[in-house]
Amino acid sequence: MLVESLAIIALIFAMAFAFLRAGKKEYAYGILPLLLLPVVQIFLGYITSFFASFLPFDARSIRVCIICVTLIAACILIGLSGSRLHKRSLRTVYFVICGLFTLILAMFFILDILKNF
C-alpha cells in the first residue's frame, strides 16, 4: 500500500495548495490531518520493528494497533482543526466527510495488514 499512500498524500497536498491559491487558509489547514494515516502507513515497517524489539506481540498485532492509535490521533486533529470553522453546518459536513475518509482508509489499511500476513 506504499504507492496508494503516496498517491493519497500527493492528492491531499494538491487540494491544500488549491485551497491556498483560492484564499481559503482554514480549508487548507483543515485537510492536513488527513495526511497522518498515509504517512504512518509509509513508515509502518520501521515503527513496527522498533516496537517489536521490546513488546511481546507479533508484527501483525503491532501494526493493527499502530493504525488504530493513528486513527484516534487523526480524529482528534480533525476535531481540533474543525473547531476553527465558523458555520455550524460547514463544521458538521467537515467532521462527517473527514471522519468517514479517515475511518475507511484505516479500515483498508487494517484489511491489507490482515490479508498479507
PDB file of N, CA and C in Angstrom:
ATOM      1  N   MET A   1       0.816  -1.192   0.000  1.00  0.00           N
ATOM      2  CA  MET A   1       0.000   0.000   0.000  1.00  0.00           C
ATOM      3  C   MET A   1       0.869   1.271   0.000  1.00  0.00           C
ATOM      4  N   LEU A   2       2.121   1.098  -0.328  1.00  0.00           N
ATOM      5  CA  LEU A   2       3.022   2.237  -0.367  1.00  0.00           C
ATOM      6  C   LEU A   2       2.654   3.211  -1.480  1.00  0.00           C
ATOM      7  N   VAL A   3       2.394   2.698  -2.648  1.00  0.00           N
ATOM      8  CA  VAL A   3       2.061   3.547  -3.791  1.00  0.00           C
ATOM      9  C   VAL A   3       0.734   4.267  -3.548  1.00  0.00           C
ATOM     10  N   GLU A   4      -0.224   3.558  -2.967  1.00  0.00           N
ATOM     11  CA  GLU A   4      -1.518   4.172  -2.685  1.00  0.00           C
ATOM     12  C   GLU A   4      -1.384   5.285  -1.661  1.00  0.00           C
ATOM     13  N   SER A   5      -0.559   5.054  -0.647  1.00  0.00           N
ATOM     14  CA  SER A   5      -0.341   6.081   0.371  1.00  0.00           C
ATOM     15  C   SER A   5       0.330   7.314  -0.223  1.00  0.00           C
ATOM     16  N   LEU A   6       1.308   7.106  -1.084  1.00  0.00           N
ATOM     17  CA  LEU A   6       1.963   8.239  -1.730  1.00  0.00           C
ATOM     18  C   LEU A   6       0.993   9.013  -2.625  1.00  0.00           C
ATOM     19  N   ALA A   7       0.107   8.294  -3.313  1.00  0.00           N
ATOM     20  CA  ALA A   7      -0.891   8.956  -4.157  1.00  0.00           C
ATOM     21  C   ALA A   7      -1.867   9.771  -3.315  1.00  0.00           C
ATOM     22  N   ILE A   8      -2.281   9.233  -2.178  1.00  0.00           N
ATOM     23  CA  ILE A   8      -3.188   9.969  -1.288  1.00  0.00           C
ATOM     24  C   ILE A   8      -2.511  11.220  -0.754  1.00  0.00           C
ATOM     25  N   ILE A   9      -1.261  11.105  -0.375  1.00  0.00           N
ATOM     26  CA  ILE A   9      -0.513  12.266   0.129  1.00  0.00           C
ATOM     27  C   ILE A   9      -0.400  13.330  -0.958  1.00  0.00           C
ATOM     28  N   ALA A  10      -0.099  12.918  -2.178  1.00  0.00           N
ATOM     29  CA  ALA A  10       0.015  13.874  -3.287  1.00  0.00           C
ATOM     30  C   ALA A  10      -1.320  14.573  -3.544  1.00  0.00           C
ATOM     31  N   LEU A  11      -2.412  13.830  -3.516  1.00  0.00           N
ATOM     32  CA  LEU A  11      -3.729  14.432  -3.744  1.00  0.00           C
ATOM     33  C   LEU A  11      -4.115  15.410  -2.639  1.00  0.00           C
ATOM     34  N   ILE A  12      -3.822  15.059  -1.396  1.00  0.00           N
ATOM     35  CA  ILE A  12      -4.167  15.959  -0.290  1.00  0.00           C
ATOM     36  C   ILE A  12      -3.333  17.224  -0.361  1.00  0.00           C
ATOM     37  N   PHE A  13      -2.049  17.104  -0.694  1.00  0.00           N
ATOM     38  CA  PHE A  13      -1.225  18.307  -0.860  1.00  0.00           C
ATOM     39  C   PHE A  13      -1.721  19.164  -2.022  1.00  0.00           C
ATOM     40  N   ALA A  14      -2.155  18.527  -3.103  1.00  0.00           N
ATOM     41  CA  ALA A  14      -2.695  19.278  -4.238  1.00  0.00           C
ATOM     42  C   ALA A  14      -3.976  20.012  -3.842  1.00  0.00           C
ATOM     43  N   MET A  15      -4.824  19.359  -3.068  1.00  0.00           N
ATOM     44  CA  MET A  15      -6.046  20.018  -2.607  1.00  0.00           C
ATOM     45  C   MET A  15      -5.725  21.182  -1.666  1.00  0.00           C
ATOM     46  N   ALA A  16      -4.764  20.993  -0.773  1.00  0.00           N
ATOM     47  CA  ALA A  16      -4.374  22.065   0.138  1.00  0.00           C
ATOM     48  C   ALA A  16      -3.798  23.240  -0.639  1.00  0.00           C
ATOM     49  N   PHE A  17      -3.000  22.951  -1.654  1.00  0.00           N
ATOM     50  CA  PHE A  17      -2.441  24.014  -2.482  1.00  0.00           C
ATOM     51  C   PHE A  17      -3.545  24.772  -3.218  1.00  0.00           C
ATOM     52  N   ALA A  18      -4.533  24.029  -3.720  1.00  0.00           N
ATOM     53  CA  ALA A  18      -5.652  24.681  -4.416  1.00  0.00           C
ATOM     54  C   ALA A  18      -6.451  25.559  -3.462  1.00  0.00           C
ATOM     55  N   PHE A  19      -6.656  25.103  -2.241  1.00  0.00           N
ATOM     56  CA  PHE A  19      -7.354  25.930  -1.256  1.00  0.00           C
ATOM     57  C   PHE A  19      -6.556  27.183  -0.911  1.00  0.00           C
ATOM     58  N   LEU A  20      -5.237  27.043  -0.801  1.00  0.00           N
ATOM     59  CA  LEU A  20      -4.407  28.214  -0.511  1.00  0.00           C
ATOM     60  C   LEU A  20      -4.441  29.214  -1.653  1.00  0.00           C
ATOM     61  N   ARG A  21      -4.416  28.728  -2.890  1.00  0.00           N
ATOM     62  CA  ARG A  21      -4.489  29.626  -4.048  1.00  0.00           C
ATOM     63  C   ARG A  21      -5.830  30.342  -4.116  1.00  0.00           C
ATOM     64  N   ALA A  22      -6.887  29.699  -3.606  1.00  0.00           N
ATOM     65  CA  ALA A  22      -8.222  30.299  -3.617  1.00  0.00           C
ATOM     66  C   ALA A  22      -8.433  31.220  -2.421  1.00  0.00           C
ATOM     67  N   GLY A  23      -7.449  31.314  -1.541  1.00  0.00           N
ATOM     68  CA  GLY A  23      -7.560  32.193  -0.384  1.00  0.00           C
ATOM     69  C   GLY A  23      -8.316  31.590   0.788  1.00  0.00           C
ATOM     70  N   LYS A  24      -8.445  30.289   0.829  1.00  0.00           N
ATOM     71  CA  LYS A  24      -9.161  29.595   1.901  1.00  0.00           C
ATOM     72  C   LYS A  24      -8.152  28.873   2.800  1.00  0.00           C
ATOM     73  N   LYS A  25      -7.476  29.635   3.650  1.00  0.00           N
ATOM     74  CA  LYS A  25      -6.449  29.053   4.507  1.00  0.00           C
ATOM     75  C   LYS A  25      -7.015  28.043   5.497  1.00  0.00           C
ATOM     76  N   GLU A  26      -8.197  28.336   6.068  1.00  0.00           N
ATOM     77  CA  GLU A  26      -8.749  27.412   7.058  1.00  0.00           C
ATOM     78  C   GLU A  26      -9.132  26.074   6.429  1.00  0.00           C
ATOM     79  N   TYR A  27      -9.516  26.082   5.166  1.00  0.00           N
ATOM     80  CA  TYR A  27      -9.814  24.821   4.474  1.00  0.00           C
ATOM     81  C   TYR A  27      -8.528  24.045   4.192  1.00  0.00           C
ATOM     82  N   ALA A  28      -7.491  24.760   3.811  1.00  0.00           N
ATOM     83  CA  ALA A  28      -6.204  24.107   3.535  1.00  0.00           C
ATOM     84  C   ALA A  28      -5.639  23.457   4.794  1.00  0.00           C
ATOM     85  N   TYR A  29      -5.711  24.174   5.908  1.00  0.00           N
ATOM     86  CA  TYR A  29      -5.226  23.600   7.158  1.00  0.00           C
ATOM     87  C   TYR A  29      -6.159  22.503   7.651  1.00  0.00           C
ATOM     88  N   GLY A  30      -7.411  22.580   7.288  1.00  0.00           N
ATOM     89  CA  GLY A  30      -8.390  21.596   7.734  1.00  0.00           C
ATOM     90  C   GLY A  30      -8.195  20.219   7.143  1.00  0.00           C
ATOM     91  N   ILE A  31      -7.640  20.138   5.949  1.00  0.00           N
ATOM     92  CA  ILE A  31      -7.458  18.812   5.347  1.00  0.00           C
ATOM     93  C   ILE A  31      -6.084  18.206   5.658  1.00  0.00           C
ATOM     94  N   LEU A  32      -5.216  18.943   6.294  1.00  0.00           N
ATOM     95  CA  LEU A  32      -3.890  18.400   6.608  1.00  0.00           C
ATOM     96  C   LEU A  32      -3.916  17.234   7.600  1.00  0.00           C
ATOM     97  N   PRO A  33      -4.873  17.151   8.554  1.00  0.00           N
ATOM     98  CA  PRO A  33      -4.905  15.944   9.400  1.00  0.00           C
ATOM     99  C   PRO A  33      -5.169  14.652   8.638  1.00  0.00           C
ATOM    100  N   LEU A  34      -5.671  14.763   7.427  1.00  0.00           N
ATOM    101  CA  LEU A  34      -5.893  13.569   6.622  1.00  0.00           C
ATOM    102  C   LEU A  34      -4.587  12.931   6.165  1.00  0.00           C
ATOM    103  N   LEU A  35      -3.489  13.645   6.304  1.00  0.00           N
ATOM    104  CA  LEU A  35      -2.177  13.121   5.910  1.00  0.00           C
ATOM    105  C   LEU A  35      -1.592  12.147   6.925  1.00  0.00           C
ATOM    106  N   LEU A  36      -2.080  12.188   8.141  1.00  0.00           N
ATOM    107  CA  LEU A  36      -1.453  11.419   9.218  1.00  0.00           C
ATOM    108  C   LEU A  36      -1.468   9.908   8.946  1.00  0.00           C
ATOM    109  N   LEU A  37      -2.584   9.384   8.563  1.00  0.00           N
ATOM    110  CA  LEU A  37      -2.704   7.941   8.353  1.00  0.00           C
ATOM    111  C   LEU A  37      -1.844   7.426   7.192  1.00  0.00           C
ATOM    112  N   PRO A  38      -1.849   8.085   6.011  1.00  0.00           N
ATOM    113  CA  PRO A  38      -0.963   7.594   4.942  1.00  0.00           C
ATOM    114  C   PRO A  38       0.526   7.721   5.268  1.00  0.00           C
ATOM    115  N   VAL A  39       0.904   8.760   6.005  1.00  0.00           N
ATOM    116  CA  VAL A  39       2.318   8.926   6.371  1.00  0.00           C
ATOM    117  C   VAL A  39       2.746   7.810   7.324  1.00  0.00           C
ATOM    118  N   VAL A  40       1.900   7.498   8.298  1.00  0.00           N
ATOM    119  CA  VAL A  40       2.231   6.408   9.217  1.00  0.00           C
ATOM    120  C   VAL A  40       2.269   5.080   8.470  1.00  0.00           C
ATOM    121  N   GLN A  41       1.394   4.901   7.497  1.00  0.00           N
ATOM    122  CA  GLN A  41       1.394   3.669   6.702  1.00  0.00           C
ATOM    123  C   GLN A  41       2.712   3.500   5.952  1.00  0.00           C
ATOM    124  N   ILE A  42       3.280   4.584   5.468  1.00  0.00           N
ATOM    125  CA  ILE A  42       4.555   4.505   4.751  1.00  0.00           C
ATOM    126  C   ILE A  42       5.681   4.054   5.681  1.00  0.00           C
ATOM    127  N   PHE A  43       5.687   4.565   6.899  1.00  0.00           N
ATOM    128  CA  PHE A  43       6.755   4.245   7.851  1.00  0.00           C
ATOM    129  C   PHE A  43       6.374   3.127   8.816  1.00  0.00           C
ATOM    130  N   LEU A  44       5.329   2.373   8.507  1.00  0.00           N
ATOM    131  CA  LEU A  44       4.820   1.358   9.418  1.00  0.00           C
ATOM    132  C   LEU A  44       5.829   0.245   9.671  1.00  0.00           C
ATOM    133  N   GLY A  45       6.599  -0.118   8.685  1.00  0.00           N
ATOM    134  CA  GLY A  45       7.606  -1.167   8.866  1.00  0.00           C
ATOM    135  C   GLY A  45       8.660  -0.786   9.889  1.00  0.00           C
ATOM    136  N   TYR A  46       9.134   0.448   9.820  1.00  0.00           N
ATOM    137  CA  TYR A  46      10.144   0.923  10.769  1.00  0.00           C
ATOM    138  C   TYR A  46       9.577   1.046  12.174  1.00  0.00           C
ATOM    139  N   ILE A  47       8.356   1.556  12.261  1.00  0.00           N
ATOM    140  CA  ILE A  47       7.722   1.713  13.567  1.00  0.00           C
ATOM    141  C   ILE A  47       7.462   0.350  14.194  1.00  0.00           C
ATOM    142  N   THR A  48       7.032  -0.597  13.387  1.00  0.00           N
ATOM    143  CA  THR A  48       6.751  -1.945  13.890  1.00  0.00           C
ATOM    144  C   THR A  48       8.018  -2.619  14.380  1.00  0.00           C
ATOM    145  N   SER A  49       9.103  -2.504  13.647  1.00  0.00           N
ATOM    146  CA  SER A  49      10.353  -3.138  14.082  1.00  0.00           C
ATOM    147  C   SER A  49      10.865  -2.521  15.377  1.00  0.00           C
ATOM    148  N   PHE A  50      10.624  -1.221  15.565  1.00  0.00           N
ATOM    149  CA  PHE A  50      11.023  -0.577  16.821  1.00  0.00           C
ATOM    150  C   PHE A  50      10.237  -1.150  17.991  1.00  0.00           C
ATOM    151  N   PHE A  51       8.904  -1.223  17.839  1.00  0.00           N
ATOM    152  CA  PHE A  51       8.082  -1.724  18.931  1.00  0.00           C
ATOM    153  C   PHE A  51       8.220  -3.230  19.128  1.00  0.00           C
ATOM    154  N   ALA A  52       8.500  -3.965  18.069  1.00  0.00           N
ATOM    155  CA  ALA A  52       8.653  -5.421  18.183  1.00  0.00           C
ATOM    156  C   ALA A  52       9.910  -5.799  18.961  1.00  0.00           C
ATOM    157  N   SER A  53      10.859  -4.878  19.065  1.00  0.00           N
ATOM    158  CA  SER A  53      12.089  -5.183  19.788  1.00  0.00           C
ATOM    159  C   SER A  53      11.858  -5.322  21.294  1.00  0.00           C
ATOM    160  N   PHE A  54      10.816  -4.699  21.834  1.00  0.00           N
ATOM    161  CA  PHE A  54      10.598  -4.806  23.268  1.00  0.00           C
ATOM    162  C   PHE A  54       9.159  -5.191  23.655  1.00  0.00           C
ATOM    163  N   LEU A  55       8.267  -5.359  22.699  1.00  0.00           N
ATOM    164  CA  LEU A  55       6.915  -5.810  23.005  1.00  0.00           C
ATOM    165  C   LEU A  55       6.767  -7.292  22.661  1.00  0.00           C
ATOM    166  N   PRO A  56       6.018  -8.048  23.466  1.00  0.00           N
ATOM    167  CA  PRO A  56       5.906  -9.491  23.221  1.00  0.00           C
ATOM    168  C   PRO A  56       4.788  -9.881  22.242  1.00  0.00           C
ATOM    169  N   PHE A  57       4.472  -9.021  21.287  1.00  0.00           N
ATOM    170  CA  PHE A  57       3.401  -9.302  20.335  1.00  0.00           C
ATOM    171  C   PHE A  57       3.983  -9.540  18.950  1.00  0.00           C
ATOM    172  N   ASP A  58       3.175 -10.194  18.102  1.00  0.00           N
ATOM    173  CA  ASP A  58       3.638 -10.408  16.740  1.00  0.00           C
ATOM    174  C   ASP A  58       3.492  -9.107  15.939  1.00  0.00           C
ATOM    175  N   ALA A  59       4.122  -9.088  14.775  1.00  0.00           N
ATOM    176  CA  ALA A  59       4.171  -7.865  13.963  1.00  0.00           C
ATOM    177  C   ALA A  59       2.789  -7.445  13.489  1.00  0.00           C
ATOM    178  N   ARG A  60       1.927  -8.403  13.179  1.00  0.00           N
ATOM    179  CA  ARG A  60       0.588  -8.066  12.692  1.00  0.00           C
ATOM    180  C   ARG A  60      -0.212  -7.326  13.759  1.00  0.00           C
ATOM    181  N   SER A  61      -0.154  -7.792  14.985  1.00  0.00           N
ATOM    182  CA  SER A  61      -0.884  -7.141  16.072  1.00  0.00           C
ATOM    183  C   SER A  61      -0.356  -5.736  16.327  1.00  0.00           C
ATOM    184  N   ILE A  62       0.945  -5.588  16.262  1.00  0.00           N
ATOM    185  CA  ILE A  62       1.546  -4.268  16.481  1.00  0.00           C
ATOM    186  C   ILE A  62       1.128  -3.309  15.371  1.00  0.00           C
ATOM    187  N   ARG A  63       1.125  -3.770  14.133  1.00  0.00           N
ATOM    188  CA  ARG A  63       0.725  -2.916  13.011  1.00  0.00           C
ATOM    189  C   ARG A  63      -0.729  -2.471  13.128  1.00  0.00           C
ATOM    190  N   VAL A  64      -1.606  -3.389  13.487  1.00  0.00           N
ATOM    191  CA  VAL A  64      -3.015  -3.042  13.633  1.00  0.00           C
ATOM    192  C   VAL A  64      -3.200  -2.038  14.774  1.00  0.00           C
ATOM    193  N   CYS A  65      -2.501  -2.229  15.874  1.00  0.00           N
ATOM    194  CA  CYS A  65      -2.589  -1.287  16.995  1.00  0.00           C
ATOM    195  C   CYS A  65      -2.066   0.093  16.606  1.00  0.00           C
ATOM    196  N   ILE A  66      -0.998   0.144  15.838  1.00  0.00           N
ATOM    197  CA  ILE A  66      -0.446   1.427  15.401  1.00  0.00           C
ATOM    198  C   ILE A  66      -1.449   2.150  14.503  1.00  0.00           C
ATOM    199  N   ILE A  67      -2.089   1.423  13.597  1.00  0.00           N
ATOM    200  CA  ILE A  67      -3.093   2.039  12.725  1.00  0.00           C
ATOM    201  C   ILE A  67      -4.272   2.552  13.553  1.00  0.00           C
ATOM    202  N   CYS A  68      -4.700   1.781  14.562  1.00  0.00           N
ATOM    203  CA  CYS A  68      -5.825   2.216  15.403  1.00  0.00           C
ATOM    204  C   CYS A  68      -5.474   3.456  16.217  1.00  0.00           C
ATOM    205  N   VAL A  69      -4.273   3.502  16.763  1.00  0.00           N
ATOM    206  CA  VAL A  69      -3.843   4.684  17.517  1.00  0.00           C
ATOM    207  C   VAL A  69      -3.723   5.894  16.585  1.00  0.00           C
ATOM    208  N   THR A  70      -3.239   5.670  15.385  1.00  0.00           N
ATOM    209  CA  THR A  70      -3.136   6.753  14.408  1.00  0.00           C
ATOM    210  C   THR A  70      -4.520   7.245  14.003  1.00  0.00           C
ATOM    211  N   LEU A  71      -5.474   6.343  13.884  1.00  0.00           N
ATOM    212  CA  LEU A  71      -6.857   6.728  13.586  1.00  0.00           C
ATOM    213  C   LEU A  71      -7.416   7.631  14.685  1.00  0.00           C
ATOM    214  N   ILE A  72      -7.168   7.275  15.925  1.00  0.00           N
ATOM    215  CA  ILE A  72      -7.634   8.098  17.041  1.00  0.00           C
ATOM    216  C   ILE A  72      -6.965   9.471  17.010  1.00  0.00           C
ATOM    217  N   ALA A  73      -5.661   9.501  16.779  1.00  0.00           N
ATOM    218  CA  ALA A  73      -4.942  10.776  16.722  1.00  0.00           C
ATOM    219  C   ALA A  73      -5.429  11.649  15.565  1.00  0.00           C
ATOM    220  N   ALA A  74      -5.698  11.028  14.420  1.00  0.00           N
ATOM    221  CA  ALA A  74      -6.197  11.786  13.269  1.00  0.00           C
ATOM    222  C   ALA A  74      -7.575  12.365  13.554  1.00  0.00           C
ATOM    223  N   CYS A  75      -8.432  11.592  14.224  1.00  0.00           N
ATOM    224  CA  CYS A  75      -9.764  12.111  14.562  1.00  0.00           C
ATOM    225  C   CYS A  75      -9.684  13.265  15.555  1.00  0.00           C
ATOM    226  N   ILE A  76      -8.751  13.190  16.486  1.00  0.00           N
ATOM    227  CA  ILE A  76      -8.557  14.304  17.423  1.00  0.00           C
ATOM    228  C   ILE A  76      -8.087  15.541  16.670  1.00  0.00           C
ATOM    229  N   LEU A  77      -7.146  15.374  15.747  1.00  0.00           N
ATOM    230  CA  LEU A  77      -6.671  16.518  14.960  1.00  0.00           C
ATOM    231  C   LEU A  77      -7.769  17.084  14.064  1.00  0.00           C
ATOM    232  N   ILE A  78      -8.617  16.217  13.532  1.00  0.00           N
ATOM    233  CA  ILE A  78      -9.750  16.686  12.720  1.00  0.00           C
ATOM    234  C   ILE A  78     -10.694  17.507  13.598  1.00  0.00           C
ATOM    235  N   GLY A  79     -10.920  17.053  14.809  1.00  0.00           N
ATOM    236  CA  GLY A  79     -11.766  17.810  15.731  1.00  0.00           C
ATOM    237  C   GLY A  79     -11.186  19.161  16.084  1.00  0.00           C
ATOM    238  N   LEU A  80      -9.891  19.201  16.297  1.00  0.00           N
ATOM    239  CA  LEU A  80      -9.245  20.477  16.628  1.00  0.00           C
ATOM    240  C   LEU A  80      -9.251  21.440  15.443  1.00  0.00           C
ATOM    241  N   SER A  81      -8.980  20.922  14.265  1.00  0.00           N
ATOM    242  CA  SER A  81      -8.960  21.810  13.104  1.00  0.00           C
ATOM    243  C   SER A  81     -10.370  22.191  12.667  1.00  0.00           C
ATOM    244  N   GLY A  82     -11.345  21.341  12.925  1.00  0.00           N
ATOM    245  CA  GLY A  82     -12.723  21.664  12.573  1.00  0.00           C
ATOM    246  C   GLY A  82     -13.336  22.722  13.469  1.00  0.00           C
ATOM    247  N   SER A  83     -12.769  22.888  14.641  1.00  0.00           N
ATOM    248  CA  SER A  83     -13.308  23.900  15.548  1.00  0.00           C
ATOM    249  C   SER A  83     -13.026  25.324  15.055  1.00  0.00           C
ATOM    250  N   ARG A  84     -12.152  25.467  14.090  1.00  0.00           N
ATOM    251  CA  ARG A  84     -11.856  26.792  13.521  1.00  0.00           C
ATOM    252  C   ARG A  84     -12.928  27.261  12.539  1.00  0.00           C
ATOM    253  N   LEU A  85     -13.719  26.320  12.033  1.00  0.00           N
ATOM    254  CA  LEU A  85     -14.765  26.677  11.080  1.00  0.00           C
ATOM    255  C   LEU A  85     -15.913  27.349  11.822  1.00  0.00           C
ATOM    256  N   HIS A  86     -16.415  28.441  11.265  1.00  0.00           N
ATOM    257  CA  HIS A  86     -17.386  29.249  11.993  1.00  0.00           C
ATOM    258  C   HIS A  86     -18.825  28.793  11.788  1.00  0.00           C
ATOM    259  N   LYS A  87     -19.175  28.368  10.606  1.00  0.00           N
ATOM    260  CA  LYS A  87     -20.541  27.919  10.352  1.00  0.00           C
ATOM    261  C   LYS A  87     -20.753  26.513  10.905  1.00  0.00           C
ATOM    262  N   ARG A  88     -21.864  26.338  11.599  1.00  0.00           N
ATOM    263  CA  ARG A  88     -22.143  25.042  12.206  1.00  0.00           C
ATOM    264  C   ARG A  88     -22.400  23.966  11.148  1.00  0.00           C
ATOM    265  N   SER A  89     -23.130  24.306  10.104  1.00  0.00           N
ATOM    266  CA  SER A  89     -23.422  23.308   9.065  1.00  0.00           C
ATOM    267  C   SER A  89     -22.152  22.898   8.327  1.00  0.00           C
ATOM    268  N   LEU A  90     -21.264  23.846   8.072  1.00  0.00           N
ATOM    269  CA  LEU A  90     -19.997  23.543   7.414  1.00  0.00           C
ATOM    270  C   LEU A  90     -19.128  22.659   8.301  1.00  0.00           C
ATOM    271  N   ARG A  91     -19.137  22.947   9.589  1.00  0.00           N
ATOM    272  CA  ARG A  91     -18.355  22.156  10.545  1.00  0.00           C
ATOM    273  C   ARG A  91     -18.877  20.713  10.605  1.00  0.00           C
ATOM    274  N   THR A  92     -20.190  20.545  10.582  1.00  0.00           N
ATOM    275  CA  THR A  92     -20.770  19.199  10.623  1.00  0.00           C
ATOM    276  C   THR A  92     -20.396  18.399   9.383  1.00  0.00           C
ATOM    277  N   VAL A  93     -20.500  19.014   8.223  1.00  0.00           N
ATOM    278  CA  VAL A  93     -20.129  18.335   6.982  1.00  0.00           C
ATOM    279  C   VAL A  93     -18.644  17.989   6.992  1.00  0.00           C
ATOM    280  N   TYR A  94     -17.823  18.898   7.487  1.00  0.00           N
ATOM    281  CA  TYR A  94     -16.382  18.666   7.573  1.00  0.00           C
ATOM    282  C   TYR A  94     -16.089  17.455   8.461  1.00  0.00           C
ATOM    283  N   PHE A  95     -16.708  17.398   9.639  1.00  0.00           N
ATOM    284  CA  PHE A  95     -16.473  16.277  10.552  1.00  0.00           C
ATOM    285  C   PHE A  95     -16.913  14.951   9.936  1.00  0.00           C
ATOM    286  N   VAL A  96     -18.062  14.941   9.285  1.00  0.00           N
ATOM    287  CA  VAL A  96     -18.581  13.698   8.707  1.00  0.00           C
ATOM    288  C   VAL A  96     -17.694  13.227   7.562  1.00  0.00           C
ATOM    289  N   ILE A  97     -17.379  14.120   6.624  1.00  0.00           N
ATOM    290  CA  ILE A  97     -16.593  13.717   5.454  1.00  0.00           C
ATOM    291  C   ILE A  97     -15.174  13.305   5.851  1.00  0.00           C
ATOM    292  N   CYS A  98     -14.502  14.121   6.633  1.00  0.00           N
ATOM    293  CA  CYS A  98     -13.122  13.791   7.020  1.00  0.00           C
ATOM    294  C   CYS A  98     -13.076  12.574   7.940  1.00  0.00           C
ATOM    295  N   GLY A  99     -14.044  12.455   8.833  1.00  0.00           N
ATOM    296  CA  GLY A  99     -14.086  11.294   9.720  1.00  0.00           C
ATOM    297  C   GLY A  99     -14.319  10.005   8.960  1.00  0.00           C
ATOM    298  N   LEU A 100     -15.254  10.030   8.014  1.00  0.00           N
ATOM    299  CA  LEU A 100     -15.508   8.835   7.212  1.00  0.00           C
ATOM    300  C   LEU A 100     -14.314   8.478   6.326  1.00  0.00           C
ATOM    301  N   PHE A 101     -13.685   9.484   5.743  1.00  0.00           N
ATOM    302  CA  PHE A 101     -12.496   9.229   4.924  1.00  0.00           C
ATOM    303  C   PHE A 101     -11.413   8.556   5.755  1.00  0.00           C
ATOM    304  N   THR A 102     -11.154   9.076   6.933  1.00  0.00           N
ATOM    305  CA  THR A 102     -10.111   8.533   7.787  1.00  0.00           C
ATOM    306  C   THR A 102     -10.466   7.129   8.268  1.00  0.00           C
ATOM    307  N   LEU A 103     -11.715   6.923   8.639  1.00  0.00           N
ATOM    308  CA  LEU A 103     -12.148   5.612   9.104  1.00  0.00           C
ATOM    309  C   LEU A 103     -12.069   4.563   8.001  1.00  0.00           C
ATOM    310  N   ILE A 104     -12.532   4.895   6.817  1.00  0.00           N
ATOM    311  CA  ILE A 104     -12.495   3.943   5.701  1.00  0.00           C
ATOM    312  C   ILE A 104     -11.059   3.649   5.279  1.00  0.00           C
ATOM    313  N   LEU A 105     -10.218   4.677   5.274  1.00  0.00           N
ATOM    314  CA  LEU A 105      -8.809   4.466   4.930  1.00  0.00           C
ATOM    315  C   LEU A 105      -8.137   3.556   5.951  1.00  0.00           C
ATOM    316  N   ALA A 106      -8.400   3.772   7.227  1.00  0.00           N
ATOM    317  CA  ALA A 106      -7.826   2.911   8.271  1.00  0.00           C
ATOM    318  C   ALA A 106      -8.334   1.479   8.118  1.00  0.00           C
ATOM    319  N   MET A 107      -9.608   1.343   7.755  1.00  0.00           N
ATOM    320  CA  MET A 107     -10.166   0.020   7.548  1.00  0.00           C
ATOM    321  C   MET A 107      -9.453  -0.712   6.403  1.00  0.00           C
ATOM    322  N   PHE A 108      -9.199   0.001   5.310  1.00  0.00           N
ATOM    323  CA  PHE A 108      -8.473  -0.613   4.189  1.00  0.00           C
ATOM    324  C   PHE A 108      -7.045  -0.984   4.583  1.00  0.00           C
ATOM    325  N   PHE A 109      -6.377  -0.132   5.349  1.00  0.00           N
ATOM    326  CA  PHE A 109      -5.025  -0.442   5.784  1.00  0.00           C
ATOM    327  C   PHE A 109      -5.007  -1.670   6.695  1.00  0.00           C
ATOM    328  N   ILE A 110      -5.977  -1.756   7.610  1.00  0.00           N
ATOM    329  CA  ILE A 110      -6.034  -2.908   8.512  1.00  0.00           C
ATOM    330  C   ILE A 110      -6.350  -4.189   7.740  1.00  0.00           C
ATOM    331  N   LEU A 111      -7.279  -4.111   6.802  1.00  0.00           N
ATOM    332  CA  LEU A 111      -7.588  -5.295   5.989  1.00  0.00           C
ATOM    333  C   LEU A 111      -6.387  -5.735   5.165  1.00  0.00           C
ATOM    334  N   ASP A 112      -5.603  -4.790   4.664  1.00  0.00           N
ATOM    335  CA  ASP A 112      -4.403  -5.134   3.920  1.00  0.00           C
ATOM    336  C   ASP A 112      -3.368  -5.800   4.824  1.00  0.00           C
ATOM    337  N   ILE A 113      -3.244  -5.317   6.048  1.00  0.00           N
ATOM    338  CA  ILE A 113      -2.310  -5.932   7.004  1.00  0.00           C
ATOM    339  C   ILE A 113      -2.733  -7.360   7.315  1.00  0.00           C
ATOM    340  N   LEU A 114      -4.013  -7.554   7.567  1.00  0.00           N
ATOM    341  CA  LEU A 114      -4.501  -8.878   7.922  1.00  0.00           C
ATOM    342  C   LEU A 114      -4.438  -9.851   6.741  1.00  0.00           C
ATOM    343  N   LYS A 115      -4.584  -9.321   5.545  1.00  0.00           N
ATOM    344  CA  LYS A 115      -4.545 -10.162   4.352  1.00  0.00           C
ATOM    345  C   LYS A 115      -3.119 -10.611   4.020  1.00  0.00           C
ATOM    346  N   ASN A 116      -2.155  -9.738   4.197  1.00  0.00           N
ATOM    347  CA  ASN A 116      -0.785 -10.021   3.776  1.00  0.00           C
ATOM    348  C   ASN A 116      -0.002 -10.883   4.730  1.00  0.00           C
ATOM    349  N   PHE A 117      -0.431 -11.016   5.964  1.00  0.00           N
ATOM    350  CA  PHE A 117       0.341 -11.825   6.917  1.00  0.00           C
ATOM    351  C   PHE A 117      -0.169 -13.217   7.013  1.00  0.00           C
TER     352      PHE A 117
END
